[in-house]
Each structure stands twice: as C-alpha cells, then as structure tokens.
Amino acid sequence: MAKATIKSKTGATITIDGSDSEVSRIIVAFESTAKAIDPTFVQAKEVAAKTRTAKREAKMRMGASDLIVRLKEESFFEQPKSIAEIAKALEEQGFLYPVTSLSGILLSLVQKRLLRRKKADGKYVYGK
C-alpha cells in the first residue's frame, strides 16, 4: 500500500492510502485541478503560447524575392550575375528554386527598381 500526503494552497492536508496506481491517479487529478485554478499557471500557459507564436512567425519561410533582396544586401550583386549564378547562390543557402521560377521574380524586382538588368553575350545579367 502506498501513502501520500498533499498540502493544498488553502492549508488543508490530505492523506491518501491505496495502491500505487490509485495514489498516482489521485495526485495527477489533484495537480491538474490545482493548475487549472491557479492564476500563475494560466499566465504561464499564455506566455508559452505567445512564445510558440513568436517562434512560428520567426520560422516563416522567406519568399524567393526576399532571399534575392537579402543577397543584394550582402553585396552579392557587385558583379553582374546570371540567373544560373543566382540559383546556385540560393541553393548554397539551402533554397532550391528552378531557374524558370526565378526569371519572373527577377523581372518583378527589376520593375520595382531593386535590381538592374542588362544583356551580355545574349543573356540577361542582374546587378545593382
């Protein structure tokens, strides 16, 4: 037989006698009820939820245009680069984009005047 003594926040002392499984079941039920009523537990739960939300937002995936702008900020475009070179740089960072999808994104960045485009040797290159 197992025996447990619980002291509540109100000061009441509860003694439980029974088998190991009965005592553990009663203790778990008591703790879950106490946590549900305890305002500090509720506040801690809210803080944990806010932290999870913040982490989720931080992990949100950046789009290809955001990644290309980040490359520009890192001075990647000091020398003009082809679409294949841009795709390779993104791939080195762990982002796989086919060249065909990057062409439209690069064109929109050129139209927004975030990048410049010119033709060199029959191919377009992109730079500052």
N, C-alpha and C. Protein backbone atom coordinates (compact mmCIF):
# COMPACT_ATOMS: atom_id res chain seq x y z
N MET A 1 0.84 -1.17 0.00
CA MET A 1 0.00 0.00 0.00
C MET A 1 0.89 1.24 0.00
N ALA A 2 0.48 2.18 -0.81
CA ALA A 2 1.19 3.46 -0.90
C ALA A 2 0.44 4.49 -0.09
N LYS A 3 1.18 5.47 0.39
CA LYS A 3 0.58 6.51 1.18
C LYS A 3 1.17 7.84 0.71
N ALA A 4 0.32 8.86 0.56
CA ALA A 4 0.78 10.19 0.14
C ALA A 4 0.06 11.24 0.95
N THR A 5 0.77 12.32 1.22
CA THR A 5 0.18 13.45 1.93
C THR A 5 0.33 14.68 1.03
N ILE A 6 -0.80 15.36 0.82
CA ILE A 6 -0.81 16.55 -0.03
C ILE A 6 -1.24 17.73 0.81
N LYS A 7 -0.51 18.84 0.68
CA LYS A 7 -0.90 20.06 1.37
C LYS A 7 -1.35 21.05 0.31
N SER A 8 -2.60 21.50 0.40
CA SER A 8 -3.15 22.42 -0.60
C SER A 8 -2.74 23.85 -0.29
N LYS A 9 -2.99 24.75 -1.23
CA LYS A 9 -2.67 26.16 -1.04
C LYS A 9 -3.51 26.80 0.06
N THR A 10 -4.68 26.22 0.31
CA THR A 10 -5.54 26.76 1.37
C THR A 10 -5.09 26.31 2.75
N GLY A 11 -4.14 25.36 2.80
CA GLY A 11 -3.62 24.90 4.07
C GLY A 11 -4.16 23.54 4.48
N ALA A 12 -5.09 23.01 3.74
CA ALA A 12 -5.66 21.70 4.06
C ALA A 12 -4.63 20.61 3.78
N THR A 13 -4.59 19.61 4.65
CA THR A 13 -3.70 18.47 4.46
C THR A 13 -4.54 17.25 4.11
N ILE A 14 -4.17 16.61 3.03
CA ILE A 14 -4.92 15.46 2.54
C ILE A 14 -3.99 14.25 2.57
N THR A 15 -4.45 13.16 3.19
CA THR A 15 -3.67 11.93 3.24
C THR A 15 -4.39 10.88 2.41
N ILE A 16 -3.62 10.21 1.55
CA ILE A 16 -4.20 9.21 0.65
C ILE A 16 -3.52 7.88 0.93
N ASP A 17 -4.35 6.84 1.12
CA ASP A 17 -3.86 5.46 1.27
C ASP A 17 -4.45 4.65 0.14
N GLY A 18 -3.64 3.81 -0.50
CA GLY A 18 -4.14 2.96 -1.56
C GLY A 18 -2.99 2.34 -2.34
N SER A 19 -3.33 1.69 -3.43
CA SER A 19 -2.29 1.09 -4.26
C SER A 19 -1.50 2.19 -4.97
N ASP A 20 -0.36 1.83 -5.51
CA ASP A 20 0.48 2.81 -6.20
C ASP A 20 -0.28 3.52 -7.32
N SER A 21 -1.02 2.76 -8.11
CA SER A 21 -1.74 3.35 -9.24
C SER A 21 -2.86 4.28 -8.76
N GLU A 22 -3.55 3.89 -7.68
CA GLU A 22 -4.62 4.75 -7.15
C GLU A 22 -4.06 6.07 -6.63
N VAL A 23 -2.97 6.00 -5.89
CA VAL A 23 -2.37 7.21 -5.32
C VAL A 23 -1.87 8.12 -6.43
N SER A 24 -1.18 7.55 -7.41
CA SER A 24 -0.65 8.39 -8.50
C SER A 24 -1.79 9.01 -9.31
N ARG A 25 -2.88 8.26 -9.52
CA ARG A 25 -4.02 8.79 -10.26
C ARG A 25 -4.65 9.97 -9.51
N ILE A 26 -4.79 9.86 -8.20
CA ILE A 26 -5.38 10.93 -7.39
C ILE A 26 -4.47 12.15 -7.37
N ILE A 27 -3.17 11.94 -7.26
CA ILE A 27 -2.22 13.06 -7.25
C ILE A 27 -2.26 13.80 -8.58
N VAL A 28 -2.28 13.06 -9.68
CA VAL A 28 -2.34 13.70 -11.01
C VAL A 28 -3.63 14.49 -11.15
N ALA A 29 -4.73 13.93 -10.71
CA ALA A 29 -6.02 14.63 -10.79
C ALA A 29 -6.00 15.89 -9.92
N PHE A 30 -5.43 15.80 -8.73
CA PHE A 30 -5.35 16.96 -7.84
C PHE A 30 -4.48 18.05 -8.45
N GLU A 31 -3.31 17.69 -8.99
CA GLU A 31 -2.41 18.68 -9.57
C GLU A 31 -3.03 19.36 -10.79
N SER A 32 -3.71 18.58 -11.62
CA SER A 32 -4.32 19.18 -12.82
C SER A 32 -5.43 20.14 -12.43
N THR A 33 -6.20 19.81 -11.39
CA THR A 33 -7.25 20.70 -10.91
C THR A 33 -6.65 21.95 -10.30
N ALA A 34 -5.59 21.79 -9.52
CA ALA A 34 -4.93 22.93 -8.88
C ALA A 34 -4.33 23.86 -9.94
N LYS A 35 -3.75 23.30 -10.98
CA LYS A 35 -3.15 24.11 -12.04
C LYS A 35 -4.21 24.87 -12.82
N ALA A 36 -5.35 24.24 -13.01
CA ALA A 36 -6.42 24.90 -13.77
C ALA A 36 -6.97 26.10 -13.00
N ILE A 37 -6.95 26.02 -11.68
CA ILE A 37 -7.48 27.10 -10.86
C ILE A 37 -6.42 28.17 -10.61
N ASP A 38 -5.16 27.79 -10.55
CA ASP A 38 -4.06 28.68 -10.20
C ASP A 38 -3.84 29.74 -11.29
N PRO A 39 -3.96 31.04 -10.99
CA PRO A 39 -3.79 32.09 -12.00
C PRO A 39 -2.36 32.17 -12.53
N THR A 40 -1.37 31.82 -11.71
CA THR A 40 0.01 31.86 -12.21
C THR A 40 0.22 30.79 -13.27
N PHE A 41 -0.46 29.66 -13.11
CA PHE A 41 -0.37 28.60 -14.12
C PHE A 41 -1.00 29.06 -15.42
N VAL A 42 -2.15 29.74 -15.33
CA VAL A 42 -2.82 30.26 -16.52
C VAL A 42 -1.93 31.28 -17.22
N GLN A 43 -1.30 32.18 -16.43
CA GLN A 43 -0.40 33.17 -17.02
C GLN A 43 0.79 32.50 -17.69
N ALA A 44 1.35 31.49 -17.06
CA ALA A 44 2.48 30.77 -17.65
C ALA A 44 2.09 30.10 -18.96
N LYS A 45 0.85 29.59 -18.99
CA LYS A 45 0.35 28.97 -20.20
C LYS A 45 0.22 29.99 -21.33
N GLU A 46 -0.25 31.20 -21.01
CA GLU A 46 -0.39 32.27 -22.00
C GLU A 46 0.97 32.70 -22.53
N VAL A 47 1.94 32.81 -21.64
CA VAL A 47 3.30 33.19 -22.04
C VAL A 47 3.87 32.14 -22.98
N ALA A 48 3.65 30.88 -22.65
CA ALA A 48 4.14 29.80 -23.50
C ALA A 48 3.49 29.85 -24.88
N ALA A 49 2.21 30.15 -24.94
CA ALA A 49 1.50 30.25 -26.23
C ALA A 49 2.05 31.41 -27.05
N LYS A 50 2.31 32.55 -26.40
CA LYS A 50 2.87 33.69 -27.11
C LYS A 50 4.27 33.38 -27.63
N THR A 51 5.04 32.65 -26.86
CA THR A 51 6.38 32.27 -27.28
C THR A 51 6.32 31.35 -28.49
N ARG A 52 5.39 30.40 -28.48
CA ARG A 52 5.23 29.50 -29.62
C ARG A 52 4.84 30.28 -30.87
N THR A 53 3.95 31.25 -30.72
CA THR A 53 3.52 32.07 -31.85
C THR A 53 4.69 32.87 -32.39
N ALA A 54 5.49 33.44 -31.51
CA ALA A 54 6.65 34.22 -31.94
C ALA A 54 7.65 33.34 -32.68
N LYS A 55 7.87 32.14 -32.19
CA LYS A 55 8.79 31.22 -32.85
C LYS A 55 8.26 30.83 -34.22
N ARG A 56 6.96 30.59 -34.31
CA ARG A 56 6.34 30.22 -35.58
C ARG A 56 6.51 31.33 -36.59
N GLU A 57 6.30 32.58 -36.15
CA GLU A 57 6.45 33.71 -37.06
C GLU A 57 7.90 33.88 -37.48
N ALA A 58 8.82 33.61 -36.58
CA ALA A 58 10.24 33.72 -36.91
C ALA A 58 10.66 32.67 -37.92
N LYS A 59 10.01 31.51 -37.86
CA LYS A 59 10.35 30.42 -38.76
C LYS A 59 9.66 30.53 -40.12
N MET A 60 8.75 31.48 -40.24
CA MET A 60 8.03 31.59 -41.51
C MET A 60 9.03 31.70 -42.65
N ARG A 61 8.78 30.97 -43.67
CA ARG A 61 9.69 30.88 -44.80
C ARG A 61 9.71 32.18 -45.58
N MET A 62 10.91 32.62 -45.91
CA MET A 62 11.06 33.80 -46.74
C MET A 62 10.80 33.39 -48.19
N GLY A 63 10.22 34.28 -48.95
CA GLY A 63 9.98 34.02 -50.36
C GLY A 63 11.25 34.23 -51.16
N ALA A 64 11.23 33.79 -52.41
CA ALA A 64 12.41 33.90 -53.27
C ALA A 64 12.82 35.35 -53.46
N SER A 65 11.86 36.27 -53.61
CA SER A 65 12.22 37.67 -53.80
C SER A 65 12.91 38.22 -52.55
N ASP A 66 12.43 37.82 -51.36
CA ASP A 66 13.09 38.25 -50.12
C ASP A 66 14.52 37.73 -50.05
N LEU A 67 14.72 36.49 -50.49
CA LEU A 67 16.05 35.90 -50.46
C LEU A 67 16.99 36.62 -51.44
N ILE A 68 16.47 36.98 -52.59
CA ILE A 68 17.29 37.68 -53.59
C ILE A 68 17.65 39.08 -53.09
N VAL A 69 16.70 39.75 -52.46
CA VAL A 69 16.99 41.07 -51.88
C VAL A 69 18.04 40.94 -50.79
N ARG A 70 17.96 39.86 -50.01
CA ARG A 70 18.97 39.63 -48.99
C ARG A 70 20.35 39.42 -49.61
N LEU A 71 20.40 38.71 -50.75
CA LEU A 71 21.66 38.55 -51.47
C LEU A 71 22.21 39.91 -51.89
N LYS A 72 21.32 40.79 -52.35
CA LYS A 72 21.74 42.13 -52.76
C LYS A 72 22.33 42.88 -51.57
N GLU A 73 21.69 42.79 -50.41
CA GLU A 73 22.18 43.45 -49.22
C GLU A 73 23.52 42.90 -48.77
N GLU A 74 23.80 41.64 -49.11
CA GLU A 74 25.07 41.01 -48.77
C GLU A 74 26.13 41.27 -49.84
N SER A 75 25.86 42.19 -50.76
CA SER A 75 26.79 42.59 -51.83
C SER A 75 27.07 41.47 -52.82
N PHE A 76 26.13 40.59 -53.01
CA PHE A 76 26.28 39.51 -53.98
C PHE A 76 26.31 40.05 -55.41
N PHE A 77 25.61 41.13 -55.65
CA PHE A 77 25.46 41.66 -57.00
C PHE A 77 26.48 42.75 -57.33
N GLU A 78 27.65 42.74 -56.69
CA GLU A 78 28.70 43.70 -57.03
C GLU A 78 29.09 43.54 -58.50
N GLN A 79 29.20 42.30 -58.92
CA GLN A 79 29.42 41.98 -60.34
C GLN A 79 28.11 41.42 -60.88
N PRO A 80 27.75 41.74 -62.12
CA PRO A 80 26.51 41.20 -62.68
C PRO A 80 26.48 39.67 -62.65
N LYS A 81 25.32 39.14 -62.32
CA LYS A 81 25.16 37.68 -62.18
C LYS A 81 24.05 37.18 -63.09
N SER A 82 24.24 35.99 -63.61
CA SER A 82 23.21 35.35 -64.44
C SER A 82 22.19 34.68 -63.53
N ILE A 83 21.08 34.26 -64.13
CA ILE A 83 20.05 33.58 -63.36
C ILE A 83 20.61 32.29 -62.76
N ALA A 84 21.44 31.59 -63.51
CA ALA A 84 22.02 30.33 -63.02
C ALA A 84 22.90 30.60 -61.80
N GLU A 85 23.66 31.68 -61.80
CA GLU A 85 24.51 32.01 -60.66
C GLU A 85 23.68 32.37 -59.43
N ILE A 86 22.58 33.06 -59.67
CA ILE A 86 21.68 33.41 -58.56
C ILE A 86 21.06 32.14 -57.97
N ALA A 87 20.61 31.25 -58.85
CA ALA A 87 20.02 29.98 -58.39
C ALA A 87 21.04 29.18 -57.60
N LYS A 88 22.29 29.18 -58.05
CA LYS A 88 23.35 28.44 -57.35
C LYS A 88 23.61 29.05 -55.97
N ALA A 89 23.62 30.38 -55.88
CA ALA A 89 23.84 31.04 -54.59
C ALA A 89 22.70 30.71 -53.62
N LEU A 90 21.47 30.70 -54.12
CA LEU A 90 20.34 30.33 -53.26
C LEU A 90 20.43 28.87 -52.83
N GLU A 91 20.87 28.02 -53.75
CA GLU A 91 21.00 26.60 -53.45
C GLU A 91 22.05 26.37 -52.37
N GLU A 92 23.13 27.15 -52.41
CA GLU A 92 24.17 27.03 -51.39
C GLU A 92 23.64 27.40 -50.01
N GLN A 93 22.61 28.23 -49.97
CA GLN A 93 21.99 28.60 -48.70
C GLN A 93 20.88 27.62 -48.31
N GLY A 94 20.63 26.64 -49.17
CA GLY A 94 19.63 25.62 -48.85
C GLY A 94 18.26 25.87 -49.45
N PHE A 95 18.15 26.82 -50.38
CA PHE A 95 16.88 27.13 -51.00
C PHE A 95 16.93 26.71 -52.46
N LEU A 96 16.10 25.76 -52.83
CA LEU A 96 16.11 25.23 -54.19
C LEU A 96 14.99 25.85 -55.01
N TYR A 97 15.37 26.64 -56.00
CA TYR A 97 14.41 27.27 -56.90
C TYR A 97 14.85 26.97 -58.33
N PRO A 98 13.93 26.48 -59.17
CA PRO A 98 14.29 26.28 -60.57
C PRO A 98 14.50 27.64 -61.25
N VAL A 99 15.39 27.64 -62.22
CA VAL A 99 15.71 28.88 -62.94
C VAL A 99 14.46 29.47 -63.57
N THR A 100 13.55 28.63 -64.02
CA THR A 100 12.34 29.13 -64.68
C THR A 100 11.46 29.92 -63.73
N SER A 101 11.46 29.58 -62.44
CA SER A 101 10.65 30.35 -61.49
C SER A 101 11.36 31.62 -61.06
N LEU A 102 12.69 31.63 -61.11
CA LEU A 102 13.43 32.82 -60.71
C LEU A 102 13.34 33.93 -61.75
N SER A 103 13.16 33.59 -63.01
CA SER A 103 13.15 34.63 -64.04
C SER A 103 12.03 35.65 -63.82
N GLY A 104 10.85 35.19 -63.49
CA GLY A 104 9.72 36.09 -63.24
C GLY A 104 9.93 36.93 -61.99
N ILE A 105 10.51 36.32 -60.97
CA ILE A 105 10.77 37.03 -59.73
C ILE A 105 11.81 38.12 -59.96
N LEU A 106 12.86 37.78 -60.71
CA LEU A 106 13.89 38.78 -61.02
C LEU A 106 13.32 39.93 -61.85
N LEU A 107 12.45 39.60 -62.78
CA LEU A 107 11.83 40.64 -63.59
C LEU A 107 11.01 41.60 -62.71
N SER A 108 10.28 41.06 -61.76
CA SER A 108 9.49 41.93 -60.89
C SER A 108 10.39 42.80 -60.01
N LEU A 109 11.54 42.27 -59.59
CA LEU A 109 12.48 43.07 -58.81
C LEU A 109 13.11 44.18 -59.66
N VAL A 110 13.30 43.90 -60.94
CA VAL A 110 13.80 44.92 -61.86
C VAL A 110 12.74 46.01 -62.04
N GLN A 111 11.50 45.61 -62.18
CA GLN A 111 10.42 46.58 -62.35
C GLN A 111 10.23 47.44 -61.10
N LYS A 112 10.51 46.88 -59.93
CA LYS A 112 10.43 47.64 -58.68
C LYS A 112 11.70 48.46 -58.46
N ARG A 113 12.65 48.35 -59.38
CA ARG A 113 13.94 49.05 -59.33
C ARG A 113 14.81 48.64 -58.14
N LEU A 114 14.64 47.40 -57.72
CA LEU A 114 15.52 46.86 -56.68
C LEU A 114 16.76 46.23 -57.29
N LEU A 115 16.66 45.83 -58.56
CA LEU A 115 17.78 45.27 -59.31
C LEU A 115 17.80 45.92 -60.69
N ARG A 116 18.94 45.78 -61.34
CA ARG A 116 19.06 46.24 -62.73
C ARG A 116 19.34 45.03 -63.61
N ARG A 117 18.96 45.15 -64.86
CA ARG A 117 19.14 44.06 -65.80
C ARG A 117 19.73 44.60 -67.08
N LYS A 118 20.68 43.85 -67.63
CA LYS A 118 21.21 44.21 -68.96
C LYS A 118 21.57 42.93 -69.69
N LYS A 119 21.70 43.06 -71.00
CA LYS A 119 22.01 41.90 -71.82
C LYS A 119 23.51 41.85 -72.05
N ALA A 120 24.10 40.71 -71.79
CA ALA A 120 25.53 40.49 -72.00
C ALA A 120 25.71 39.13 -72.66
N ASP A 121 26.33 39.13 -73.83
CA ASP A 121 26.56 37.88 -74.58
C ASP A 121 25.26 37.14 -74.86
N GLY A 122 24.20 37.86 -75.15
CA GLY A 122 22.92 37.26 -75.50
C GLY A 122 22.11 36.78 -74.31
N LYS A 123 22.58 36.98 -73.08
CA LYS A 123 21.86 36.56 -71.89
C LYS A 123 21.70 37.76 -70.97
N TYR A 124 20.62 37.75 -70.21
CA TYR A 124 20.43 38.81 -69.23
C TYR A 124 21.24 38.54 -67.99
N VAL A 125 21.82 39.61 -67.46
CA VAL A 125 22.53 39.54 -66.17
C VAL A 125 21.93 40.58 -65.26
N TYR A 126 22.02 40.33 -63.98
CA TYR A 126 21.38 41.17 -62.98
C TYR A 126 22.43 41.72 -62.03
N GLY A 127 22.23 42.97 -61.63
CA GLY A 127 23.18 43.61 -60.72
C GLY A 127 22.51 44.74 -59.98
N LYS A 128 23.35 45.53 -59.32
CA LYS A 128 22.85 46.65 -58.53
C LYS A 128 22.19 47.68 -59.40
